[in-house]
Amino acid sequence: MNLEQEFGNREDFKKHLTLFIVAHIIVNIWLRMDVDFLSGLKESITQGRIWYYHEQTGLFITVIWFLFLAVQGVYTGLKRKRKEVER
């Protein structure tokens, strides 16, 4: 497994971006619905008791995931431009 190949692969970036968007849509829909098995999760989120959702540092896991996605997108774009220049 070559991390540079995996990280800079355009198809993997598109899959990662799609996963990011779909996961956020599903979680937002679930949290807006009145589902019994999510009531405890919703309560923990609003009270700030879930460490991975909102840490004391104020960083949300979504921000960390988005930053990783942004870095991957920039890297993928730069890698593609370098290949075009070399041709």
N, C-alpha and C. Protein backbone atom coordinates (compact mmCIF):
# COMPACT_ATOMS: atom_id res chain seq x y z
N MET A 1 0.84 -1.18 0.00
CA MET A 1 0.00 0.00 0.00
C MET A 1 0.88 1.24 0.00
N ASN A 2 0.74 2.04 -1.01
CA ASN A 2 1.50 3.27 -1.15
C ASN A 2 0.59 4.44 -0.78
N LEU A 3 0.91 5.10 0.32
CA LEU A 3 0.05 6.18 0.81
C LEU A 3 -0.03 7.32 -0.19
N GLU A 4 1.07 7.61 -0.86
CA GLU A 4 1.05 8.70 -1.84
C GLU A 4 0.09 8.40 -2.99
N GLN A 5 0.10 7.17 -3.46
CA GLN A 5 -0.82 6.79 -4.54
C GLN A 5 -2.27 6.82 -4.07
N GLU A 6 -2.52 6.29 -2.88
CA GLU A 6 -3.88 6.26 -2.36
C GLU A 6 -4.39 7.66 -2.05
N PHE A 7 -3.56 8.48 -1.47
CA PHE A 7 -3.97 9.82 -1.05
C PHE A 7 -4.20 10.73 -2.25
N GLY A 8 -3.43 10.55 -3.31
CA GLY A 8 -3.53 11.42 -4.46
C GLY A 8 -4.40 10.90 -5.58
N ASN A 9 -5.08 9.80 -5.35
CA ASN A 9 -5.92 9.20 -6.37
C ASN A 9 -7.23 9.99 -6.48
N ARG A 10 -7.54 10.46 -7.66
CA ARG A 10 -8.73 11.29 -7.87
C ARG A 10 -10.03 10.53 -7.57
N GLU A 11 -10.09 9.26 -7.95
CA GLU A 11 -11.29 8.47 -7.69
C GLU A 11 -11.52 8.29 -6.20
N ASP A 12 -10.43 8.06 -5.45
CA ASP A 12 -10.56 7.93 -4.00
C ASP A 12 -11.02 9.24 -3.37
N PHE A 13 -10.54 10.36 -3.89
CA PHE A 13 -10.98 11.65 -3.38
C PHE A 13 -12.48 11.84 -3.61
N LYS A 14 -12.96 11.47 -4.78
CA LYS A 14 -14.39 11.60 -5.07
C LYS A 14 -15.22 10.70 -4.14
N LYS A 15 -14.73 9.49 -3.88
CA LYS A 15 -15.42 8.59 -2.96
C LYS A 15 -15.43 9.18 -1.55
N HIS A 16 -14.31 9.74 -1.13
CA HIS A 16 -14.20 10.33 0.20
C HIS A 16 -15.14 11.53 0.33
N LEU A 17 -15.18 12.37 -0.69
CA LEU A 17 -16.07 13.53 -0.68
C LEU A 17 -17.53 13.09 -0.63
N THR A 18 -17.88 12.09 -1.40
CA THR A 18 -19.25 11.57 -1.40
C THR A 18 -19.61 11.00 -0.03
N LEU A 19 -18.70 10.24 0.57
CA LEU A 19 -18.94 9.70 1.90
C LEU A 19 -19.16 10.81 2.92
N PHE A 20 -18.35 11.86 2.86
CA PHE A 20 -18.47 13.00 3.77
C PHE A 20 -19.86 13.63 3.65
N ILE A 21 -20.30 13.88 2.44
CA ILE A 21 -21.59 14.53 2.21
C ILE A 21 -22.74 13.62 2.63
N VAL A 22 -22.70 12.37 2.22
CA VAL A 22 -23.79 11.44 2.55
C VAL A 22 -23.88 11.21 4.06
N ALA A 23 -22.75 11.06 4.72
CA ALA A 23 -22.76 10.85 6.17
C ALA A 23 -23.39 12.03 6.88
N HIS A 24 -23.08 13.24 6.46
CA HIS A 24 -23.65 14.41 7.11
C HIS A 24 -25.14 14.55 6.82
N ILE A 25 -25.55 14.22 5.63
CA ILE A 25 -26.98 14.28 5.31
C ILE A 25 -27.75 13.26 6.16
N ILE A 26 -27.25 12.04 6.24
CA ILE A 26 -27.93 11.00 7.01
C ILE A 26 -28.00 11.36 8.49
N VAL A 27 -26.90 11.80 9.06
CA VAL A 27 -26.89 12.16 10.48
C VAL A 27 -27.84 13.32 10.75
N ASN A 28 -27.85 14.33 9.89
CA ASN A 28 -28.77 15.45 10.08
C ASN A 28 -30.22 15.03 9.97
N ILE A 29 -30.53 14.15 9.03
CA ILE A 29 -31.91 13.66 8.91
C ILE A 29 -32.30 12.86 10.15
N TRP A 30 -31.40 11.97 10.59
CA TRP A 30 -31.70 11.18 11.78
C TRP A 30 -31.91 12.05 13.01
N LEU A 31 -31.08 13.07 13.18
CA LEU A 31 -31.20 13.92 14.36
C LEU A 31 -32.46 14.78 14.33
N ARG A 32 -32.95 15.10 13.15
CA ARG A 32 -34.18 15.89 13.04
C ARG A 32 -35.44 15.03 13.21
N MET A 33 -35.31 13.74 12.97
CA MET A 33 -36.44 12.84 13.15
C MET A 33 -36.58 12.51 14.63
N ASP A 34 -37.78 12.16 15.02
CA ASP A 34 -38.00 11.77 16.42
C ASP A 34 -37.91 10.25 16.52
N VAL A 35 -36.69 9.76 16.54
CA VAL A 35 -36.44 8.32 16.60
C VAL A 35 -35.99 7.97 18.01
N ASP A 36 -36.58 6.94 18.58
CA ASP A 36 -36.30 6.59 19.97
C ASP A 36 -34.83 6.24 20.22
N PHE A 37 -34.23 5.47 19.32
CA PHE A 37 -32.86 5.04 19.58
C PHE A 37 -31.84 6.18 19.45
N LEU A 38 -32.25 7.32 18.89
CA LEU A 38 -31.35 8.46 18.79
C LEU A 38 -31.59 9.53 19.85
N SER A 39 -32.62 9.36 20.66
CA SER A 39 -32.92 10.39 21.66
C SER A 39 -31.78 10.55 22.66
N GLY A 40 -31.16 9.44 23.05
CA GLY A 40 -30.02 9.52 23.96
C GLY A 40 -28.83 10.20 23.33
N LEU A 41 -28.59 9.92 22.05
CA LEU A 41 -27.50 10.55 21.33
C LEU A 41 -27.74 12.05 21.19
N LYS A 42 -28.96 12.42 20.83
CA LYS A 42 -29.29 13.83 20.68
C LYS A 42 -29.14 14.58 22.00
N GLU A 43 -29.56 13.95 23.08
CA GLU A 43 -29.44 14.57 24.40
C GLU A 43 -27.97 14.75 24.79
N SER A 44 -27.15 13.74 24.52
CA SER A 44 -25.72 13.84 24.83
C SER A 44 -25.04 14.93 24.02
N ILE A 45 -25.43 15.07 22.76
CA ILE A 45 -24.85 16.11 21.90
C ILE A 45 -25.21 17.49 22.42
N THR A 46 -26.48 17.71 22.73
CA THR A 46 -26.90 19.04 23.18
C THR A 46 -26.33 19.40 24.54
N GLN A 47 -26.03 18.41 25.36
CA GLN A 47 -25.45 18.68 26.67
C GLN A 47 -23.93 18.66 26.65
N GLY A 48 -23.34 18.34 25.51
CA GLY A 48 -21.88 18.37 25.38
C GLY A 48 -21.17 17.25 26.09
N ARG A 49 -21.80 16.09 26.24
CA ARG A 49 -21.19 14.98 26.97
C ARG A 49 -20.45 14.00 26.07
N ILE A 50 -20.52 14.16 24.76
CA ILE A 50 -19.85 13.22 23.86
C ILE A 50 -18.49 13.81 23.49
N TRP A 51 -17.42 13.17 23.92
CA TRP A 51 -16.08 13.72 23.76
C TRP A 51 -15.66 13.81 22.30
N TYR A 52 -16.06 12.85 21.48
CA TYR A 52 -15.59 12.86 20.09
C TYR A 52 -16.39 13.82 19.24
N TYR A 53 -17.52 14.27 19.71
CA TYR A 53 -18.31 15.22 18.93
C TYR A 53 -17.86 16.65 19.21
N HIS A 54 -17.63 16.96 20.46
CA HIS A 54 -17.19 18.30 20.82
C HIS A 54 -16.22 18.21 21.98
N GLU A 55 -14.97 18.37 21.70
CA GLU A 55 -13.95 18.30 22.74
C GLU A 55 -13.84 19.64 23.45
N GLN A 56 -13.10 19.64 24.53
CA GLN A 56 -12.88 20.88 25.28
C GLN A 56 -12.12 21.91 24.46
N THR A 57 -11.36 21.45 23.48
CA THR A 57 -10.62 22.37 22.63
C THR A 57 -11.54 23.13 21.69
N GLY A 58 -12.76 22.67 21.54
CA GLY A 58 -13.70 23.33 20.64
C GLY A 58 -13.65 22.80 19.23
N LEU A 59 -12.82 21.79 18.99
CA LEU A 59 -12.72 21.21 17.65
C LEU A 59 -13.78 20.12 17.48
N PHE A 60 -14.57 20.26 16.47
CA PHE A 60 -15.54 19.23 16.15
C PHE A 60 -14.87 18.22 15.23
N ILE A 61 -15.29 16.96 15.33
CA ILE A 61 -14.73 15.92 14.46
C ILE A 61 -15.01 16.26 13.00
N THR A 62 -16.11 16.96 12.75
CA THR A 62 -16.45 17.36 11.38
C THR A 62 -15.38 18.29 10.82
N VAL A 63 -14.88 19.20 11.63
CA VAL A 63 -13.85 20.13 11.18
C VAL A 63 -12.57 19.37 10.84
N ILE A 64 -12.21 18.42 11.68
CA ILE A 64 -11.01 17.64 11.43
C ILE A 64 -11.16 16.83 10.14
N TRP A 65 -12.33 16.22 9.97
CA TRP A 65 -12.60 15.44 8.76
C TRP A 65 -12.57 16.34 7.52
N PHE A 66 -13.18 17.54 7.65
CA PHE A 66 -13.20 18.48 6.53
C PHE A 66 -11.79 18.95 6.17
N LEU A 67 -10.97 19.23 7.18
CA LEU A 67 -9.59 19.66 6.91
C LEU A 67 -8.81 18.56 6.19
N PHE A 68 -8.97 17.33 6.62
CA PHE A 68 -8.30 16.21 5.94
C PHE A 68 -8.78 16.12 4.50
N LEU A 69 -10.08 16.27 4.30
CA LEU A 69 -10.65 16.22 2.96
C LEU A 69 -10.12 17.36 2.09
N ALA A 70 -10.00 18.55 2.67
CA ALA A 70 -9.49 19.70 1.93
C ALA A 70 -8.03 19.49 1.53
N VAL A 71 -7.22 18.98 2.45
CA VAL A 71 -5.82 18.70 2.14
C VAL A 71 -5.72 17.65 1.04
N GLN A 72 -6.54 16.62 1.14
CA GLN A 72 -6.54 15.58 0.11
C GLN A 72 -6.94 16.16 -1.25
N GLY A 73 -7.94 17.05 -1.26
CA GLY A 73 -8.37 17.67 -2.51
C GLY A 73 -7.29 18.54 -3.13
N VAL A 74 -6.62 19.33 -2.31
CA VAL A 74 -5.54 20.19 -2.82
C VAL A 74 -4.40 19.32 -3.34
N TYR A 75 -4.03 18.30 -2.59
CA TYR A 75 -2.95 17.42 -3.02
C TYR A 75 -3.29 16.73 -4.33
N THR A 76 -4.53 16.26 -4.44
CA THR A 76 -4.96 15.59 -5.67
C THR A 76 -4.93 16.56 -6.85
N GLY A 77 -5.39 17.78 -6.63
CA GLY A 77 -5.37 18.79 -7.69
C GLY A 77 -3.97 19.15 -8.13
N LEU A 78 -3.07 19.33 -7.16
CA LEU A 78 -1.69 19.67 -7.49
C LEU A 78 -0.99 18.52 -8.21
N LYS A 79 -1.28 17.31 -7.78
CA LYS A 79 -0.67 16.15 -8.43
C LYS A 79 -1.14 16.05 -9.88
N ARG A 80 -2.40 16.34 -10.11
CA ARG A 80 -2.94 16.29 -11.48
C ARG A 80 -2.30 17.38 -12.35
N LYS A 81 -2.14 18.58 -11.78
CA LYS A 81 -1.53 19.68 -12.54
C LYS A 81 -0.08 19.36 -12.88
N ARG A 82 0.65 18.74 -11.95
CA ARG A 82 2.04 18.36 -12.21
C ARG A 82 2.13 17.37 -13.35
N LYS A 83 1.20 16.43 -13.40
CA LYS A 83 1.21 15.44 -14.48
C LYS A 83 0.92 16.11 -15.82
N GLU A 84 0.01 17.10 -15.83
CA GLU A 84 -0.31 17.81 -17.07
C GLU A 84 0.87 18.63 -17.56
N VAL A 85 1.61 19.24 -16.64
CA VAL A 85 2.78 20.05 -17.00
C VAL A 85 3.88 19.15 -17.56
N GLU A 86 4.06 17.97 -16.99
CA GLU A 86 5.10 17.05 -17.44
C GLU A 86 4.84 16.54 -18.85
N ARG A 87 3.59 16.49 -19.26
CA ARG A 87 3.25 15.98 -20.60
C ARG A 87 3.56 17.03 -21.59
